[in-house]
């Protein structure tokens, strides 16, 4: 670990204090972060404690330096917003981001006035610029995620970023509106998927793990290692995901054959409002069978049972953008389930 990276979190805390922002560090007050999230209009999975903890465990398990610098913004000693941020070191270069994603904007609790939001957003963006100058970070990226409104205008984060001269690029995220009934959701699937789901439900024994079960979780982990041909991530990252299931913030869909052998499964992260697809694994010898289609369908049933509002299927990958053939193939599979595609604005800052 370089001296700069050792000092960086302290430099960031100093920058926050100099900005005049009242704050509480997430890692010191995990419960306060969770309570603030519950006061927001829409809880995106990427703002959740569970997903932040997973990313940190995964990165540090890969021997990649990563620290959490997320904090709760306060005003008059009341929580106003949560802001997920991380510092990492890649090729001796310091990176500020939001746990594997471009920097996400602060997520405000309901009831915070537009005037106060504008004021705090301005402080946060200037904080980023000041810190990056101090830490010799010449560029950073930001992105705005879908926030539960199918029709929403540009946010203060976006407008003020444009005033600072940030470059804007466009990406797309695919979603399923879970407020529709299941038959309506299924009717929007790609035509070929409907028969595959029907035959897969007859072929496999499908179940959902939604509470602590070490034996099943270890079985899923072992299947992942078998299919990958090696252990691809640290034990701590698997433990964090199992804990998310135990705490009701995730679930696992499992497929078994007639002999009771696990042949596939998919892990899904959830909040009060949203779900996202985490990791899936399937026996390679059975790739000609309907596996992933059935997992997605059963997961959607579970999401609706939980009363979630939207399922974030994944990012759309298209030929004109910088996506690999594999990424385009995966995105094409997911797009066959999506009911909506929403724009995702990426903002680029260069000193």
Protein backbone atom coordinates (compact mmCIF):
# COMPACT_ATOMS: atom_id res chain seq x y z
CA UNK A 1 0.00 0.00 0.00
CA UNK A 2 1.46 3.34 -0.99
CA UNK A 3 1.87 6.21 1.41
CA UNK A 4 -0.62 8.23 -0.66
CA UNK A 5 -3.28 5.54 -0.35
CA UNK A 6 -2.66 5.25 3.39
CA UNK A 7 -3.17 8.98 3.75
CA UNK A 8 -6.04 9.33 1.26
CA UNK A 9 -8.96 8.52 3.62
CA UNK A 10 -7.63 11.05 6.14
CA UNK A 11 -7.24 13.63 3.39
CA UNK A 12 -10.85 12.97 2.37
CA UNK A 13 -12.16 13.38 5.93
CA UNK A 14 -10.25 16.64 6.18
CA UNK A 15 -11.79 17.80 2.88
CA UNK A 16 -15.29 16.96 4.15
CA UNK A 17 -14.68 18.94 7.33
CA UNK A 18 -13.31 21.88 5.37
CA UNK A 19 -16.40 21.84 3.13
CA UNK A 20 -18.67 22.57 6.06
CA UNK A 21 -20.78 19.45 5.43
CA UNK A 22 -22.12 17.83 8.58
CA UNK A 23 -21.56 14.10 8.27
CA UNK A 24 -21.60 10.67 9.92
CA UNK A 25 -19.38 7.90 8.53
CA UNK A 26 -21.30 4.84 7.30
CA UNK A 27 -18.90 2.30 8.75
CA UNK A 28 -19.26 3.78 12.22
CA UNK A 29 -23.08 3.98 12.06
CA UNK A 30 -24.40 1.20 9.80
CA UNK A 31 -27.81 1.31 11.49
CA UNK A 32 -28.09 5.07 10.92
CA UNK A 33 -27.33 4.53 7.22
CA UNK A 34 -30.10 1.93 7.05
CA UNK A 35 -32.56 4.22 8.83
CA UNK A 36 -31.77 7.07 6.45
CA UNK A 37 -32.32 4.78 3.46
CA UNK A 38 -35.76 3.87 4.78
CA UNK A 39 -36.70 7.56 4.65
CA UNK A 40 -35.88 7.90 0.93
CA UNK A 41 -38.44 7.62 -1.85
CA UNK A 42 -36.71 4.71 -3.55
CA UNK A 43 -33.86 2.51 -2.29
CA UNK A 44 -31.55 1.52 -5.12
CA UNK A 45 -29.66 -1.72 -4.44
CA UNK A 46 -26.30 -0.03 -5.00
CA UNK A 47 -26.89 2.23 -1.97
CA UNK A 48 -27.54 -0.71 0.38
CA UNK A 49 -25.23 -1.76 3.21
CA UNK A 50 -25.31 -5.33 1.91
CA UNK A 51 -24.00 -4.51 -1.56
CA UNK A 52 -21.40 -2.05 -0.27
CA UNK A 53 -20.10 -4.65 2.20
CA UNK A 54 -19.97 -7.28 -0.54
CA UNK A 55 -17.94 -5.07 -2.85
CA UNK A 56 -15.46 -4.20 -0.11
CA UNK A 57 -15.03 -7.86 0.84
CA UNK A 58 -14.63 -8.89 -2.79
CA UNK A 59 -12.09 -6.20 -3.67
CA UNK A 60 -9.94 -6.68 -0.60
CA UNK A 61 -10.14 -10.45 -1.07
CA UNK A 62 -8.60 -9.95 -4.51
CA UNK A 63 -5.66 -8.14 -2.89
CA UNK A 64 -6.91 -4.86 -4.35
CA UNK A 65 -6.71 -1.96 -1.93
CA UNK A 66 -10.18 -0.52 -1.27
CA UNK A 67 -11.62 1.49 1.62
CA UNK A 68 -15.13 2.74 2.30
CA UNK A 69 -15.53 6.51 2.76
CA UNK A 70 -19.35 6.62 2.51
CA UNK A 71 -21.14 9.02 4.80
CA UNK A 72 -24.54 10.34 5.84
CA UNK A 73 -25.08 14.05 5.14
CA UNK A 74 -26.75 15.89 8.01
CA UNK A 75 -28.36 19.28 8.42
CA UNK A 76 -29.18 20.60 11.89
CA UNK A 77 -28.28 17.13 13.23
CA UNK A 78 -30.87 15.41 11.05
CA UNK A 79 -30.00 12.97 8.22
CA UNK A 80 -30.52 14.51 4.79
CA UNK A 81 -28.89 12.03 2.42
CA UNK A 82 -26.59 9.06 2.09
CA UNK A 83 -23.56 9.17 -0.17
CA UNK A 84 -21.79 5.89 -1.09
CA UNK A 85 -18.11 6.48 -1.85
CA UNK A 86 -14.95 4.40 -1.95
CA UNK A 87 -11.25 4.89 -2.53
CA UNK A 88 -9.21 2.25 -4.32
CA UNK A 89 -5.76 1.81 -5.76
CA UNK A 90 -5.29 0.48 -9.30
CA UNK A 91 -1.88 0.37 -10.99
CA UNK A 92 -0.61 2.82 -8.36
CA UNK A 93 -3.40 5.22 -9.33
CA UNK A 94 -5.87 6.48 -6.74
CA UNK A 95 -9.53 6.17 -7.77
CA UNK A 96 -12.60 7.64 -6.09
CA UNK A 97 -15.84 5.87 -7.01
CA UNK A 98 -18.96 4.26 -5.52
CA UNK A 99 -17.90 0.67 -4.84
CA UNK A 100 -17.23 -0.46 -8.39
CA UNK A 101 -19.53 2.07 -10.02
CA UNK A 102 -18.88 5.66 -11.07
CA UNK A 103 -19.56 8.09 -8.24
CA UNK A 104 -23.26 8.01 -7.38
CA UNK A 105 -24.95 11.23 -6.25
CA UNK A 106 -26.22 11.66 -2.68
CA UNK A 107 -29.60 9.98 -2.19
CA UNK A 108 -31.85 12.40 -0.32
CA UNK A 109 -34.44 11.47 2.27
CA UNK A 110 -38.00 12.58 1.62
CA UNK A 111 -38.91 16.03 2.90
CA UNK A 112 -35.57 17.71 2.20
CA UNK A 113 -36.38 20.96 0.40
CA UNK A 114 -35.26 21.58 -3.17
CA UNK A 115 -33.29 24.59 -1.94
CA UNK A 116 -31.35 22.54 0.61
CA UNK A 117 -30.74 19.75 -1.90
CA UNK A 118 -29.27 22.27 -4.35
CA UNK A 119 -27.03 23.70 -1.64
CA UNK A 120 -25.75 20.29 -0.52
CA UNK A 121 -25.20 19.02 -4.06
CA UNK A 122 -23.08 22.09 -4.80
CA UNK A 123 -21.02 21.46 -1.66
CA UNK A 124 -20.56 17.78 -2.53
CA UNK A 125 -19.36 18.46 -6.07
CA UNK A 126 -16.94 21.14 -4.91
CA UNK A 127 -15.74 18.72 -2.21
CA UNK A 128 -14.94 16.17 -4.92
CA UNK A 129 -12.99 18.70 -6.96
CA UNK A 130 -11.04 19.99 -3.95
CA UNK A 131 -10.20 16.50 -2.70
CA UNK A 132 -9.12 15.29 -6.13
CA UNK A 133 -6.79 18.26 -6.49
CA UNK A 134 -5.25 17.51 -3.10
CA UNK A 135 -4.95 13.77 -3.79
CA UNK A 136 -3.66 14.26 -7.36
CA UNK A 137 -6.70 12.58 -8.96
CA UNK A 138 -7.04 14.14 -12.43
CA UNK A 139 -10.31 12.49 -13.49
CA UNK A 140 -13.43 11.02 -11.99
CA UNK A 141 -16.71 9.69 -13.29
CA UNK A 142 -20.24 9.90 -11.98
CA UNK A 143 -23.51 8.19 -12.89
CA UNK A 144 -27.14 8.65 -12.00
CA UNK A 145 -29.21 5.51 -11.48
CA UNK A 146 -32.95 5.10 -12.01
CA UNK A 147 -34.70 6.34 -8.87
CA UNK A 148 -38.17 4.80 -9.13
CA UNK A 149 -39.81 7.37 -11.38
CA UNK A 150 -40.52 6.18 -14.91
CA UNK A 151 -40.65 9.83 -15.96
CA UNK A 152 -38.10 12.07 -14.27
CA UNK A 153 -36.32 15.24 -15.25
CA UNK A 154 -32.66 16.07 -14.80
CA UNK A 155 -31.52 16.16 -11.19
CA UNK A 156 -29.63 18.92 -9.40
CA UNK A 157 -26.59 16.64 -9.48
CA UNK A 158 -26.76 16.52 -13.28
CA UNK A 159 -27.51 20.22 -13.78
CA UNK A 160 -24.74 21.44 -11.51
CA UNK A 161 -22.28 18.95 -13.02
CA UNK A 162 -23.00 20.44 -16.44
CA UNK A 163 -22.40 23.92 -15.03
CA UNK A 164 -18.97 22.70 -13.89
CA UNK A 165 -18.23 21.58 -17.43
CA UNK A 166 -18.48 17.81 -17.03
CA UNK A 167 -18.88 15.75 -20.19
CA UNK A 168 -22.14 13.78 -20.49
CA UNK A 169 -22.45 10.36 -22.12
CA UNK A 170 -25.46 8.10 -22.29
CA UNK A 171 -25.90 4.46 -21.25
CA UNK A 172 -29.05 2.37 -20.66
CA UNK A 173 -30.35 0.14 -17.87
CA UNK A 174 -33.03 -2.53 -18.33
CA UNK A 175 -35.82 -3.01 -15.79
CA UNK A 176 -39.01 -4.96 -15.14
CA UNK A 177 -41.99 -3.14 -13.64
CA UNK A 178 -43.02 -5.47 -10.83
CA UNK A 179 -46.28 -3.61 -10.18
CA UNK A 180 -47.80 -5.37 -13.21
CA UNK A 181 -49.39 -8.77 -12.67
CA UNK A 182 -47.26 -11.79 -13.48
CA UNK A 183 -49.20 -12.68 -16.62
CA UNK A 184 -48.64 -9.18 -18.01
CA UNK A 185 -44.91 -9.34 -17.19
CA UNK A 186 -44.61 -12.74 -18.86
CA UNK A 187 -46.46 -11.50 -21.96
CA UNK A 188 -43.65 -8.98 -22.53
CA UNK A 189 -40.93 -11.65 -22.52
CA UNK A 190 -39.19 -12.55 -25.75
CA UNK A 191 -41.43 -15.03 -27.52
CA UNK A 192 -38.98 -17.95 -27.39
CA UNK A 193 -38.56 -17.56 -23.62
CA UNK A 194 -42.14 -18.45 -22.80
CA UNK A 195 -41.90 -22.07 -23.97
CA UNK A 196 -38.43 -22.43 -22.45
CA UNK A 197 -39.74 -21.34 -19.05
CA UNK A 198 -42.69 -23.70 -19.34
CA UNK A 199 -40.51 -26.71 -20.19
CA UNK A 200 -37.90 -25.74 -17.58
CA UNK A 201 -40.47 -25.62 -14.79
CA UNK A 202 -41.39 -29.21 -15.66
CA UNK A 203 -37.77 -30.31 -16.01
CA UNK A 204 -36.29 -28.91 -12.79
CA UNK A 205 -37.20 -28.82 -9.13
CA UNK A 206 -37.16 -25.06 -8.45
CA UNK A 207 -36.88 -23.59 -4.96
CA UNK A 208 -35.95 -20.35 -3.21
CA UNK A 209 -33.50 -20.05 -0.31
CA UNK A 210 -34.63 -17.01 1.66
CA UNK A 211 -33.22 -17.74 5.09
CA UNK A 212 -30.09 -19.13 6.70
CA UNK A 213 -29.04 -22.50 5.32
CA UNK A 214 -25.32 -23.13 5.43
CA UNK A 215 -25.56 -26.50 3.68
CA UNK A 216 -27.39 -25.14 0.62
CA UNK A 217 -25.20 -22.04 0.47
CA UNK A 218 -22.04 -24.18 0.62
CA UNK A 219 -23.51 -26.36 -2.14
CA UNK A 220 -24.06 -23.29 -4.34
CA UNK A 221 -20.55 -22.07 -3.60
CA UNK A 222 -19.11 -25.48 -4.50
CA UNK A 223 -21.04 -25.51 -7.79
CA UNK A 224 -19.59 -22.09 -8.61
CA UNK A 225 -16.05 -23.36 -8.00
CA UNK A 226 -16.73 -26.49 -10.05
CA UNK A 227 -18.08 -24.59 -13.06
CA UNK A 228 -15.40 -21.87 -12.89
CA UNK A 229 -12.67 -24.47 -12.48
CA UNK A 230 -11.21 -22.59 -9.53
CA UNK A 231 -12.03 -20.43 -6.52
CA UNK A 232 -12.65 -17.01 -8.04
CA UNK A 233 -13.21 -14.92 -4.91
CA UNK A 234 -12.54 -14.90 -1.19
CA UNK A 235 -14.53 -16.69 1.51
CA UNK A 236 -15.50 -13.36 3.11
CA UNK A 237 -17.41 -12.28 -0.01
CA UNK A 238 -19.46 -15.49 0.10
CA UNK A 239 -20.14 -14.97 3.80
CA UNK A 240 -21.37 -11.42 3.17
CA UNK A 241 -23.85 -12.68 0.55
CA UNK A 242 -25.11 -15.46 2.83
CA UNK A 243 -25.56 -12.88 5.60
CA UNK A 244 -27.58 -10.71 3.20
CA UNK A 245 -29.98 -13.63 2.71
CA UNK A 246 -30.20 -14.16 6.48
CA UNK A 247 -31.06 -10.47 6.99
CA UNK A 248 -33.71 -10.49 4.25
CA UNK A 249 -31.68 -8.44 1.77
CA UNK A 250 -31.18 -11.17 -0.84
CA UNK A 251 -32.37 -14.61 -1.95
CA UNK A 252 -31.12 -17.56 -3.96
CA UNK A 253 -33.09 -19.41 -6.65
CA UNK A 254 -32.02 -23.07 -6.94
CA UNK A 255 -32.51 -25.64 -9.71
CA UNK A 256 -32.18 -29.39 -9.02
CA UNK A 257 -32.46 -32.40 -11.32
CA UNK A 258 -34.46 -35.58 -10.67
CA UNK A 259 -31.65 -36.95 -8.48
CA UNK A 260 -31.70 -33.84 -6.30
CA UNK A 261 -28.37 -32.56 -7.61
CA UNK A 262 -28.03 -28.79 -7.81
CA UNK A 263 -27.57 -27.91 -11.48
CA UNK A 264 -27.88 -24.15 -11.32
CA UNK A 265 -28.81 -21.13 -9.27
CA UNK A 266 -29.02 -17.37 -9.19
CA UNK A 267 -28.36 -14.88 -6.37
CA UNK A 268 -30.43 -11.68 -6.22
CA UNK A 269 -29.91 -8.61 -4.01
CA UNK A 270 -32.93 -6.68 -2.76
CA UNK A 271 -33.97 -3.56 -0.91
CA UNK A 272 -37.42 -2.39 0.12
CA UNK A 273 -38.05 -1.27 -3.47
CA UNK A 274 -35.63 -2.85 -5.92
CA UNK A 275 -33.91 -6.10 -6.85
CA UNK A 276 -30.81 -6.74 -8.94
CA UNK A 277 -29.18 -9.86 -10.36
CA UNK A 278 -25.93 -10.69 -8.57
CA UNK A 279 -24.39 -13.98 -9.65
CA UNK A 280 -25.57 -17.10 -11.47
CA UNK A 281 -23.95 -20.46 -12.08
CA UNK A 282 -25.10 -23.40 -14.22
CA UNK A 283 -23.71 -26.81 -15.09
CA UNK A 284 -21.88 -26.38 -18.40
CA UNK A 285 -23.04 -29.78 -19.68
CA UNK A 286 -26.64 -28.54 -19.46
CA UNK A 287 -26.29 -25.24 -21.33
CA UNK A 288 -28.64 -26.54 -24.02
CA UNK A 289 -31.39 -26.79 -21.36
CA UNK A 290 -33.60 -23.95 -20.04
CA UNK A 291 -31.70 -22.98 -16.89
CA UNK A 292 -31.27 -19.20 -16.63
CA UNK A 293 -34.75 -18.59 -18.04
CA UNK A 294 -36.35 -20.53 -15.19
CA UNK A 295 -34.20 -18.86 -12.54
CA UNK A 296 -35.20 -15.40 -13.79
CA UNK A 297 -38.90 -16.30 -13.87
CA UNK A 298 -38.90 -17.78 -10.36
CA UNK A 299 -36.93 -14.78 -9.10
CA UNK A 300 -39.55 -12.41 -10.49
CA UNK A 301 -42.23 -14.36 -8.61
CA UNK A 302 -40.22 -13.96 -5.40
CA UNK A 303 -39.70 -10.24 -6.01
CA UNK A 304 -43.43 -9.76 -6.42
CA UNK A 305 -44.09 -11.79 -3.27
CA UNK A 306 -41.82 -9.36 -1.43
CA UNK A 307 -43.70 -6.37 -2.81
CA UNK A 308 -40.74 -4.88 -4.68
CA UNK A 309 -41.36 -2.16 -7.26
CA UNK A 310 -38.66 -2.65 -9.91
CA UNK A 311 -36.21 -5.36 -10.96
CA UNK A 312 -32.97 -4.01 -12.40
CA UNK A 313 -32.16 -6.68 -14.98
CA UNK A 314 -28.85 -5.14 -16.08
CA UNK A 315 -27.15 -2.68 -18.39
CA UNK A 316 -27.90 -2.75 -22.09
CA UNK A 317 -24.83 -3.44 -24.23
CA UNK A 318 -25.00 -2.39 -27.85
CA UNK A 319 -22.54 -2.63 -30.77
CA UNK A 320 -21.70 1.08 -31.14
CA UNK A 321 -20.49 1.31 -27.53
CA UNK A 322 -17.40 -0.23 -25.98
CA UNK A 323 -18.81 -3.63 -25.00
CA UNK A 324 -17.28 -7.04 -25.61
CA UNK A 325 -19.08 -9.74 -27.58
CA UNK A 326 -19.67 -11.63 -24.32
CA UNK A 327 -21.19 -8.57 -22.64
CA UNK A 328 -23.47 -8.03 -25.63
CA UNK A 329 -24.56 -11.68 -25.52
CA UNK A 330 -25.40 -11.52 -21.80
CA UNK A 331 -27.24 -8.23 -22.26
CA UNK A 332 -29.23 -9.68 -25.16
CA UNK A 333 -30.36 -12.57 -22.94
CA UNK A 334 -31.45 -10.17 -20.18
CA UNK A 335 -33.19 -7.83 -22.60
CA UNK A 336 -35.59 -10.63 -23.44
CA UNK A 337 -37.12 -10.18 -19.97
CA UNK A 338 -37.11 -6.37 -19.66
CA UNK A 339 -40.27 -4.29 -19.76
CA UNK A 340 -38.50 -0.91 -19.64
CA UNK A 341 -35.20 0.61 -20.73
CA UNK A 342 -34.17 3.82 -18.94
CA UNK A 343 -31.33 6.23 -19.77
CA UNK A 344 -28.35 6.36 -17.44
CA UNK A 345 -26.30 9.53 -17.58
CA UNK A 346 -22.54 9.18 -17.17
CA UNK A 347 -20.66 12.35 -16.22
CA UNK A 348 -16.90 12.76 -16.77
CA UNK A 349 -14.69 15.27 -14.98
CA UNK A 350 -11.17 16.13 -16.10
CA UNK A 351 -9.04 18.61 -14.21
